[in-house]
């Protein structure tokens, strides 16, 4: 198989396909031969991203506005893939609630509920909606998204967010056993800081609020990365794309850290 066609004839659904990681994954999968279906809450943003991608990959992009906390919306997203492209082979769930900050003392019950409703129940809604279609296609991949904060508390604690993402590890282990007989692989990609619109915006906000330059923040962020460089959203997208492809056909139940060696 040509390296440029590792996703040839595959149909990939990306939940959380906004700017940044989701759009970079779409580009990688399209480059490698896939058709993609984009899911996110904003219909307007989906239309803009879809139109942009269609300029280079005509007739290979569809989209469906989706709130992953709604099982019916998740089912509609998967059906969009089947209706447009005839099958569903892989799903990457990137959609998450990641802006809940604080430790035990300053996290609210609402923070915990919102994180678990979106990051755990929402992810399982996506998996439940996708699994029958992937099985009908002869098998494929589900790729979950973790966070390095599951293993190592960051300087700015996110206890509720990290705990909700950790729950996906247990869910993944069960899904591997349950879905394996249907030839469905379940894996997780775990990023650290990844340079893209979200981190750039956060660094700029910190610069404005606290007078810490973007350069100073970058230096602190990469201080423990042996490669001396922050992964980008493209780096993380390539790891997800690999898990979605047949190159990973005998890999399941694995967690792949894309952290430039920051945490081993």
C-alpha atoms as a PDB file:
ATOM      1  CA  UNK A   1       0.000   0.000   0.000  1.00  0.00           C
ATOM      2  CA  UNK A   2       1.345   3.412  -0.941  1.00  0.00           C
ATOM      3  CA  UNK A   3       2.262   5.574   2.043  1.00  0.00           C
ATOM      4  CA  UNK A   4       0.113   8.329   0.559  1.00  0.00           C
ATOM      5  CA  UNK A   5      -2.982   6.105   0.504  1.00  0.00           C
ATOM      6  CA  UNK A   6      -3.095   4.501   3.942  1.00  0.00           C
ATOM      7  CA  UNK A   7      -6.711   5.712   4.305  1.00  0.00           C
ATOM      8  CA  UNK A   8      -7.778   4.884   0.757  1.00  0.00           C
ATOM      9  CA  UNK A   9     -11.463   3.958   0.523  1.00  0.00           C
ATOM     10  CA  UNK A  10     -11.968   4.644   4.242  1.00  0.00           C
ATOM     11  CA  UNK A  11     -14.680   6.855   5.695  1.00  0.00           C
ATOM     12  CA  UNK A  12     -13.710   8.740   8.845  1.00  0.00           C
ATOM     13  CA  UNK A  13     -16.022  10.629  11.189  1.00  0.00           C
ATOM     14  CA  UNK A  14     -14.356  13.373  13.245  1.00  0.00           C
ATOM     15  CA  UNK A  15     -16.337  14.565  16.236  1.00  0.00           C
ATOM     16  CA  UNK A  16     -15.063  17.915  17.438  1.00  0.00           C
ATOM     17  CA  UNK A  17     -13.909  18.984  13.994  1.00  0.00           C
ATOM     18  CA  UNK A  18     -13.239  22.628  14.725  1.00  0.00           C
ATOM     19  CA  UNK A  19     -10.134  24.627  13.952  1.00  0.00           C
ATOM     20  CA  UNK A  20      -6.970  23.080  15.276  1.00  0.00           C
ATOM     21  CA  UNK A  21      -6.722  19.326  15.873  1.00  0.00           C
ATOM     22  CA  UNK A  22      -9.991  18.382  14.178  1.00  0.00           C
ATOM     23  CA  UNK A  23      -9.286  20.286  10.992  1.00  0.00           C
ATOM     24  CA  UNK A  24      -5.690  18.981  10.873  1.00  0.00           C
ATOM     25  CA  UNK A  25      -6.923  15.401  11.222  1.00  0.00           C
ATOM     26  CA  UNK A  26      -9.385  15.976   8.387  1.00  0.00           C
ATOM     27  CA  UNK A  27      -6.574  17.257   6.162  1.00  0.00           C
ATOM     28  CA  UNK A  28      -4.331  14.292   6.990  1.00  0.00           C
ATOM     29  CA  UNK A  29      -7.061  11.726   6.348  1.00  0.00           C
ATOM     30  CA  UNK A  30      -8.121  13.366   3.081  1.00  0.00           C
ATOM     31  CA  UNK A  31      -4.502  13.531   1.948  1.00  0.00           C
ATOM     32  CA  UNK A  32      -4.206   9.810   2.642  1.00  0.00           C
ATOM     33  CA  UNK A  33      -7.275   8.891   0.612  1.00  0.00           C
ATOM     34  CA  UNK A  34     -10.206   8.985   3.046  1.00  0.00           C
ATOM     35  CA  UNK A  35     -13.578  10.657   2.849  1.00  0.00           C
ATOM     36  CA  UNK A  36     -14.451  12.543   6.025  1.00  0.00           C
ATOM     37  CA  UNK A  37     -17.553  13.568   7.900  1.00  0.00           C
ATOM     38  CA  UNK A  38     -17.156  16.521  10.239  1.00  0.00           C
ATOM     39  CA  UNK A  39     -19.123  16.858  13.448  1.00  0.00           C
ATOM     40  CA  UNK A  40     -19.246  19.835  15.836  1.00  0.00           C
ATOM     41  CA  UNK A  41     -21.884  21.966  17.513  1.00  0.00           C
ATOM     42  CA  UNK A  42     -21.598  24.973  15.204  1.00  0.00           C
ATOM     43  CA  UNK A  43     -23.233  24.409  11.840  1.00  0.00           C
ATOM     44  CA  UNK A  44     -21.761  27.666  10.551  1.00  0.00           C
ATOM     45  CA  UNK A  45     -18.174  26.708  11.396  1.00  0.00           C
ATOM     46  CA  UNK A  46     -18.666  23.256   9.931  1.00  0.00           C
ATOM     47  CA  UNK A  47     -19.859  24.766   6.679  1.00  0.00           C
ATOM     48  CA  UNK A  48     -16.800  27.025   6.470  1.00  0.00           C
ATOM     49  CA  UNK A  49     -14.379  24.163   7.191  1.00  0.00           C
ATOM     50  CA  UNK A  50     -16.173  21.827   4.810  1.00  0.00           C
ATOM     51  CA  UNK A  51     -16.083  24.370   1.988  1.00  0.00           C
ATOM     52  CA  UNK A  52     -12.376  24.979   2.580  1.00  0.00           C
ATOM     53  CA  UNK A  53     -11.528  21.278   2.482  1.00  0.00           C
ATOM     54  CA  UNK A  54     -13.740  20.664  -0.542  1.00  0.00           C
ATOM     55  CA  UNK A  55     -11.588  23.030  -2.599  1.00  0.00           C
ATOM     56  CA  UNK A  56      -8.770  20.473  -2.545  1.00  0.00           C
ATOM     57  CA  UNK A  57     -10.836  17.309  -2.029  1.00  0.00           C
ATOM     58  CA  UNK A  58     -14.141  17.707  -3.883  1.00  0.00           C
ATOM     59  CA  UNK A  59     -16.979  15.303  -3.101  1.00  0.00           C
ATOM     60  CA  UNK A  60     -15.100  13.776  -0.157  1.00  0.00           C
ATOM     61  CA  UNK A  61     -16.344  15.948   2.723  1.00  0.00           C
ATOM     62  CA  UNK A  62     -19.683  16.032   4.526  1.00  0.00           C
ATOM     63  CA  UNK A  63     -20.751  17.465   7.861  1.00  0.00           C
ATOM     64  CA  UNK A  64     -23.459  17.272  10.498  1.00  0.00           C
ATOM     65  CA  UNK A  65     -23.911  19.571  13.487  1.00  0.00           C
ATOM     66  CA  UNK A  66     -23.569  17.436  16.598  1.00  0.00           C
ATOM     67  CA  UNK A  67     -23.751  17.816  20.358  1.00  0.00           C
ATOM     68  CA  UNK A  68     -22.114  14.632  21.676  1.00  0.00           C
ATOM     69  CA  UNK A  69     -24.196  14.756  24.863  1.00  0.00           C
ATOM     70  CA  UNK A  70     -27.236  13.976  22.675  1.00  0.00           C
ATOM     71  CA  UNK A  71     -27.371  10.287  21.621  1.00  0.00           C
ATOM     72  CA  UNK A  72     -29.753  11.067  18.756  1.00  0.00           C
ATOM     73  CA  UNK A  73     -27.374  13.700  17.376  1.00  0.00           C
ATOM     74  CA  UNK A  74     -24.518  11.174  17.523  1.00  0.00           C
ATOM     75  CA  UNK A  75     -26.617   8.635  15.654  1.00  0.00           C
ATOM     76  CA  UNK A  76     -27.402  11.248  12.998  1.00  0.00           C
ATOM     77  CA  UNK A  77     -23.696  12.018  12.607  1.00  0.00           C
ATOM     78  CA  UNK A  78     -22.869   8.377  11.894  1.00  0.00           C
ATOM     79  CA  UNK A  79     -25.823   8.010   9.558  1.00  0.00           C
ATOM     80  CA  UNK A  80     -24.534  11.011   7.610  1.00  0.00           C
ATOM     81  CA  UNK A  81     -21.381   9.025   6.835  1.00  0.00           C
ATOM     82  CA  UNK A  82     -23.378   6.047   5.581  1.00  0.00           C
ATOM     83  CA  UNK A  83     -25.783   8.198   3.577  1.00  0.00           C
ATOM     84  CA  UNK A  84     -23.023  10.172   1.863  1.00  0.00           C
ATOM     85  CA  UNK A  85     -20.292   7.578   1.441  1.00  0.00           C
ATOM     86  CA  UNK A  86     -21.944   4.192   1.922  1.00  0.00           C
ATOM     87  CA  UNK A  87     -20.028   3.045   4.990  1.00  0.00           C
ATOM     88  CA  UNK A  88     -18.203   4.012   8.164  1.00  0.00           C
ATOM     89  CA  UNK A  89     -14.724   2.705   8.949  1.00  0.00           C
ATOM     90  CA  UNK A  90     -13.270   4.898  11.686  1.00  0.00           C
ATOM     91  CA  UNK A  91     -14.280   7.518  14.241  1.00  0.00           C
ATOM     92  CA  UNK A  92     -12.108   9.962  16.153  1.00  0.00           C
ATOM     93  CA  UNK A  93     -13.765  11.697  19.076  1.00  0.00           C
ATOM     94  CA  UNK A  94     -11.967  14.960  19.759  1.00  0.00           C
ATOM     95  CA  UNK A  95     -14.970  16.860  21.138  1.00  0.00           C
ATOM     96  CA  UNK A  96     -14.475  17.622  24.827  1.00  0.00           C
ATOM     97  CA  UNK A  97     -15.103  20.078  27.603  1.00  0.00           C
ATOM     98  CA  UNK A  98     -11.590  21.182  28.572  1.00  0.00           C
ATOM     99  CA  UNK A  99     -12.035  24.617  30.149  1.00  0.00           C
ATOM    100  CA  UNK A 100     -12.838  23.470  33.690  1.00  0.00           C
ATOM    101  CA  UNK A 101      -9.905  24.674  35.797  1.00  0.00           C
ATOM    102  CA  UNK A 102      -9.217  24.229  39.486  1.00  0.00           C
ATOM    103  CA  UNK A 103      -8.324  21.670  42.126  1.00  0.00           C
ATOM    104  CA  UNK A 104     -10.511  20.033  44.754  1.00  0.00           C
ATOM    105  CA  UNK A 105     -11.073  23.234  46.727  1.00  0.00           C
ATOM    106  CA  UNK A 106     -12.115  25.415  43.817  1.00  0.00           C
ATOM    107  CA  UNK A 107     -13.946  22.996  41.524  1.00  0.00           C
ATOM    108  CA  UNK A 108     -17.713  22.991  41.731  1.00  0.00           C
ATOM    109  CA  UNK A 109     -20.106  20.041  41.485  1.00  0.00           C
ATOM    110  CA  UNK A 110     -21.240  21.584  38.200  1.00  0.00           C
ATOM    111  CA  UNK A 111     -17.648  21.430  36.873  1.00  0.00           C
ATOM    112  CA  UNK A 112     -17.521  17.724  37.649  1.00  0.00           C
ATOM    113  CA  UNK A 113     -20.946  16.982  36.180  1.00  0.00           C
ATOM    114  CA  UNK A 114     -20.262  18.929  32.996  1.00  0.00           C
ATOM    115  CA  UNK A 115     -16.873  17.261  32.448  1.00  0.00           C
ATOM    116  CA  UNK A 116     -18.223  13.763  32.954  1.00  0.00           C
ATOM    117  CA  UNK A 117     -21.364  14.392  30.914  1.00  0.00           C
ATOM    118  CA  UNK A 118     -19.361  15.614  27.918  1.00  0.00           C
ATOM    119  CA  UNK A 119     -16.069  13.764  28.147  1.00  0.00           C
ATOM    120  CA  UNK A 120     -17.302  10.372  29.373  1.00  0.00           C
ATOM    121  CA  UNK A 121     -20.982  10.061  28.489  1.00  0.00           C
ATOM    122  CA  UNK A 122     -20.510  12.051  25.285  1.00  0.00           C
ATOM    123  CA  UNK A 123     -17.608   9.864  24.185  1.00  0.00           C
ATOM    124  CA  UNK A 124     -19.656   6.739  24.881  1.00  0.00           C
ATOM    125  CA  UNK A 125     -22.585   8.188  22.917  1.00  0.00           C
ATOM    126  CA  UNK A 126     -20.219   8.531  19.964  1.00  0.00           C
ATOM    127  CA  UNK A 127     -18.885   4.986  20.370  1.00  0.00           C
ATOM    128  CA  UNK A 128     -22.353   3.463  20.755  1.00  0.00           C
ATOM    129  CA  UNK A 129     -23.628   5.244  17.655  1.00  0.00           C
ATOM    130  CA  UNK A 130     -20.571   4.302  15.590  1.00  0.00           C
ATOM    131  CA  UNK A 131     -19.993   0.666  16.533  1.00  0.00           C
ATOM    132  CA  UNK A 132     -22.841  -0.964  14.565  1.00  0.00           C
ATOM    133  CA  UNK A 133     -21.871   0.881  11.368  1.00  0.00           C
ATOM    134  CA  UNK A 134     -18.175   0.067  11.742  1.00  0.00           C
ATOM    135  CA  UNK A 135     -19.039  -3.580  12.380  1.00  0.00           C
ATOM    136  CA  UNK A 136     -21.248  -3.609   9.275  1.00  0.00           C
ATOM    137  CA  UNK A 137     -18.254  -2.403   7.240  1.00  0.00           C
ATOM    138  CA  UNK A 138     -16.179  -5.345   8.441  1.00  0.00           C
ATOM    139  CA  UNK A 139     -14.440  -3.603  11.304  1.00  0.00           C
ATOM    140  CA  UNK A 140     -12.353  -0.511  11.842  1.00  0.00           C
ATOM    141  CA  UNK A 141     -11.277   1.920  14.527  1.00  0.00           C
ATOM    142  CA  UNK A 142     -12.486   4.068  17.385  1.00  0.00           C
ATOM    143  CA  UNK A 143      -9.930   6.593  18.615  1.00  0.00           C
ATOM    144  CA  UNK A 144     -10.434   8.396  21.911  1.00  0.00           C
ATOM    145  CA  UNK A 145      -8.551  11.509  23.011  1.00  0.00           C
ATOM    146  CA  UNK A 146      -6.904  11.680  26.410  1.00  0.00           C
ATOM    147  CA  UNK A 147      -4.735  14.266  28.110  1.00  0.00           C
ATOM    148  CA  UNK A 148      -1.375  14.153  29.840  1.00  0.00           C
ATOM    149  CA  UNK A 149      -3.128  15.700  32.850  1.00  0.00           C
ATOM    150  CA  UNK A 150      -4.549  12.215  33.513  1.00  0.00           C
ATOM    151  CA  UNK A 151      -1.104  11.191  34.778  1.00  0.00           C
ATOM    152  CA  UNK A 152       0.547  14.411  35.886  1.00  0.00           C
ATOM    153  CA  UNK A 153      -1.126  17.436  37.457  1.00  0.00           C
ATOM    154  CA  UNK A 154      -0.310  20.531  35.381  1.00  0.00           C
ATOM    155  CA  UNK A 155       0.746  23.868  36.913  1.00  0.00           C
ATOM    156  CA  UNK A 156      -2.858  25.038  36.563  1.00  0.00           C
ATOM    157  CA  UNK A 157      -4.917  22.131  38.003  1.00  0.00           C
ATOM    158  CA  UNK A 158      -7.824  20.686  36.048  1.00  0.00           C
ATOM    159  CA  UNK A 159      -8.919  17.954  38.416  1.00  0.00           C
ATOM    160  CA  UNK A 160     -12.441  17.449  37.056  1.00  0.00           C
ATOM    161  CA  UNK A 161     -11.293  17.473  33.431  1.00  0.00           C
ATOM    162  CA  UNK A 162      -8.393  15.103  34.112  1.00  0.00           C
ATOM    163  CA  UNK A 163     -10.576  12.712  36.103  1.00  0.00           C
ATOM    164  CA  UNK A 164     -13.191  12.588  33.364  1.00  0.00           C
ATOM    165  CA  UNK A 165     -10.559  11.819  30.745  1.00  0.00           C
ATOM    166  CA  UNK A 166      -9.067   9.127  32.997  1.00  0.00           C
ATOM    167  CA  UNK A 167     -12.437   7.392  33.044  1.00  0.00           C
ATOM    168  CA  UNK A 168     -12.050   6.861  29.307  1.00  0.00           C
ATOM    169  CA  UNK A 169      -9.114   4.533  29.959  1.00  0.00           C
ATOM    170  CA  UNK A 170     -11.374   2.151  31.882  1.00  0.00           C
ATOM    171  CA  UNK A 171     -14.049   2.481  29.223  1.00  0.00           C
ATOM    172  CA  UNK A 172     -11.496   1.764  26.486  1.00  0.00           C
ATOM    173  CA  UNK A 173     -10.346  -1.414  28.221  1.00  0.00           C
ATOM    174  CA  UNK A 174     -13.914  -2.695  28.326  1.00  0.00           C
ATOM    175  CA  UNK A 175     -14.653  -1.656  24.739  1.00  0.00           C
ATOM    176  CA  UNK A 176     -11.589  -3.528  23.486  1.00  0.00           C
ATOM    177  CA  UNK A 177     -13.050  -6.784  24.826  1.00  0.00           C
ATOM    178  CA  UNK A 178     -16.620  -6.047  23.805  1.00  0.00           C
ATOM    179  CA  UNK A 179     -15.960  -4.786  20.293  1.00  0.00           C
ATOM    180  CA  UNK A 180     -12.893  -6.830  19.391  1.00  0.00           C
ATOM    181  CA  UNK A 181     -14.924  -9.776  18.067  1.00  0.00           C
ATOM    182  CA  UNK A 182     -16.474  -7.325  15.585  1.00  0.00           C
ATOM    183  CA  UNK A 183     -12.958  -6.355  14.428  1.00  0.00           C
ATOM    184  CA  UNK A 184     -13.282  -2.899  15.994  1.00  0.00           C
ATOM    185  CA  UNK A 185     -10.078  -1.533  17.496  1.00  0.00           C
ATOM    186  CA  UNK A 186     -10.196   1.021  20.322  1.00  0.00           C
ATOM    187  CA  UNK A 187      -7.172   3.189  21.112  1.00  0.00           C
ATOM    188  CA  UNK A 188      -6.328   6.529  22.703  1.00  0.00           C
ATOM    189  CA  UNK A 189      -4.006   9.357  21.699  1.00  0.00           C
ATOM    190  CA  UNK A 190      -2.716  11.462  24.588  1.00  0.00           C
ATOM    191  CA  UNK A 191      -1.352  14.945  23.868  1.00  0.00           C
ATOM    192  CA  UNK A 192       0.455  17.389  26.099  1.00  0.00           C
ATOM    193  CA  UNK A 193       0.565  21.062  25.142  1.00  0.00           C
ATOM    194  CA  UNK A 194       0.073  21.118  21.379  1.00  0.00           C
ATOM    195  CA  UNK A 195       0.711  24.270  19.424  1.00  0.00           C
ATOM    196  CA  UNK A 196      -2.356  25.423  17.550  1.00  0.00           C
ATOM    197  CA  UNK A 197      -5.159  27.975  17.821  1.00  0.00           C
ATOM    198  CA  UNK A 198      -6.236  26.963  21.344  1.00  0.00           C
ATOM    199  CA  UNK A 199      -2.796  27.094  22.962  1.00  0.00           C
ATOM    200  CA  UNK A 200      -1.817  30.198  21.020  1.00  0.00           C
ATOM    201  CA  UNK A 201      -4.980  31.911  22.249  1.00  0.00           C
ATOM    202  CA  UNK A 202      -4.293  30.812  25.833  1.00  0.00           C
ATOM    203  CA  UNK A 203      -0.711  32.081  25.716  1.00  0.00           C
ATOM    204  CA  UNK A 204      -1.874  35.422  24.307  1.00  0.00           C
ATOM    205  CA  UNK A 205      -4.511  35.686  27.046  1.00  0.00           C
ATOM    206  CA  UNK A 206      -1.883  34.985  29.722  1.00  0.00           C
ATOM    207  CA  UNK A 207       0.351  37.621  28.159  1.00  0.00           C
ATOM    208  CA  UNK A 208      -2.434  40.209  28.297  1.00  0.00           C
ATOM    209  CA  UNK A 209      -3.656  39.266  31.794  1.00  0.00           C
ATOM    210  CA  UNK A 210      -0.363  38.637  33.575  1.00  0.00           C
ATOM    211  CA  UNK A 211       2.307  40.234  31.423  1.00  0.00           C
ATOM    212  CA  UNK A 212       4.060  36.931  30.727  1.00  0.00           C
ATOM    213  CA  UNK A 213       5.331  36.936  27.167  1.00  0.00           C
ATOM    214  CA  UNK A 214       4.419  34.162  24.772  1.00  0.00           C
ATOM    215  CA  UNK A 215       8.135  33.344  24.511  1.00  0.00           C
ATOM    216  CA  UNK A 216       8.441  32.950  28.293  1.00  0.00           C
ATOM    217  CA  UNK A 217       5.394  30.703  28.398  1.00  0.00           C
ATOM    218  CA  UNK A 218       6.708  28.589  25.558  1.00  0.00           C
ATOM    219  CA  UNK A 219      10.065  28.177  27.266  1.00  0.00           C
ATOM    220  CA  UNK A 220       8.348  27.003  30.455  1.00  0.00           C
ATOM    221  CA  UNK A 221       6.050  24.645  28.559  1.00  0.00           C
ATOM    222  CA  UNK A 222       8.859  22.870  26.706  1.00  0.00           C
ATOM    223  CA  UNK A 223      11.388  22.896  29.559  1.00  0.00           C
ATOM    224  CA  UNK A 224      10.853  19.191  30.274  1.00  0.00           C
ATOM    225  CA  UNK A 225      10.489  18.090  26.663  1.00  0.00           C
ATOM    226  CA  UNK A 226      13.788  16.414  25.667  1.00  0.00           C
ATOM    227  CA  UNK A 227      13.202  17.311  22.038  1.00  0.00           C
ATOM    228  CA  UNK A 228      13.032  20.973  23.006  1.00  0.00           C
ATOM    229  CA  UNK A 229       9.965  21.559  20.885  1.00  0.00           C
ATOM    230  CA  UNK A 230       6.225  21.577  21.517  1.00  0.00           C
ATOM    231  CA  UNK A 231       4.162  19.094  19.489  1.00  0.00           C
ATOM    232  CA  UNK A 232       1.756  20.748  17.084  1.00  0.00           C
ATOM    233  CA  UNK A 233      -1.862  19.881  16.389  1.00  0.00           C
ATOM    234  CA  UNK A 234      -0.565  18.359  13.146  1.00  0.00           C
ATOM    235  CA  UNK A 235       1.710  15.982  15.077  1.00  0.00           C
ATOM    236  CA  UNK A 236      -1.215  14.767  17.181  1.00  0.00           C
ATOM    237  CA  UNK A 237      -3.462  14.500  14.114  1.00  0.00           C
ATOM    238  CA  UNK A 238      -0.933  12.238  12.400  1.00  0.00           C
ATOM    239  CA  UNK A 239      -0.971   9.868  15.391  1.00  0.00           C
ATOM    240  CA  UNK A 240      -4.775   9.678  15.307  1.00  0.00           C
ATOM    241  CA  UNK A 241      -4.711   9.157  11.554  1.00  0.00           C
ATOM    242  CA  UNK A 242      -2.343   6.206  12.016  1.00  0.00           C
ATOM    243  CA  UNK A 243      -4.686   4.560  14.534  1.00  0.00           C
ATOM    244  CA  UNK A 244      -7.562   5.015  12.074  1.00  0.00           C
ATOM    245  CA  UNK A 245      -5.680   3.315   9.257  1.00  0.00           C
ATOM    246  CA  UNK A 246      -5.087  -0.356   8.521  1.00  0.00           C
ATOM    247  CA  UNK A 247      -1.452   0.216   9.461  1.00  0.00           C
ATOM    248  CA  UNK A 248      -2.741  -0.188  13.038  1.00  0.00           C
ATOM    249  CA  UNK A 249      -4.994  -3.171  12.331  1.00  0.00           C
ATOM    250  CA  UNK A 250      -3.460  -5.306  15.130  1.00  0.00           C
ATOM    251  CA  UNK A 251      -3.173  -2.474  17.657  1.00  0.00           C
ATOM    252  CA  UNK A 252      -5.987  -2.095  20.175  1.00  0.00           C
ATOM    253  CA  UNK A 253      -6.291  -1.017  23.796  1.00  0.00           C
ATOM    254  CA  UNK A 254      -3.199   1.169  23.523  1.00  0.00           C
ATOM    255  CA  UNK A 255      -2.431   4.693  24.705  1.00  0.00           C
ATOM    256  CA  UNK A 256      -0.037   6.668  22.508  1.00  0.00           C
ATOM    257  CA  UNK A 257       1.473   9.754  24.128  1.00  0.00           C
ATOM    258  CA  UNK A 258       2.392  12.568  21.746  1.00  0.00           C
ATOM    259  CA  UNK A 259       4.336  14.576  24.309  1.00  0.00           C
ATOM    260  CA  UNK A 260       7.852  15.090  22.909  1.00  0.00           C
ATOM    261  CA  UNK A 261       9.086  12.887  25.768  1.00  0.00           C
ATOM    262  CA  UNK A 262       7.818  15.242  28.476  1.00  0.00           C
ATOM    263  CA  UNK A 263       6.210  12.424  30.468  1.00  0.00           C
ATOM    264  CA  UNK A 264       7.431   8.839  30.249  1.00  0.00           C
END
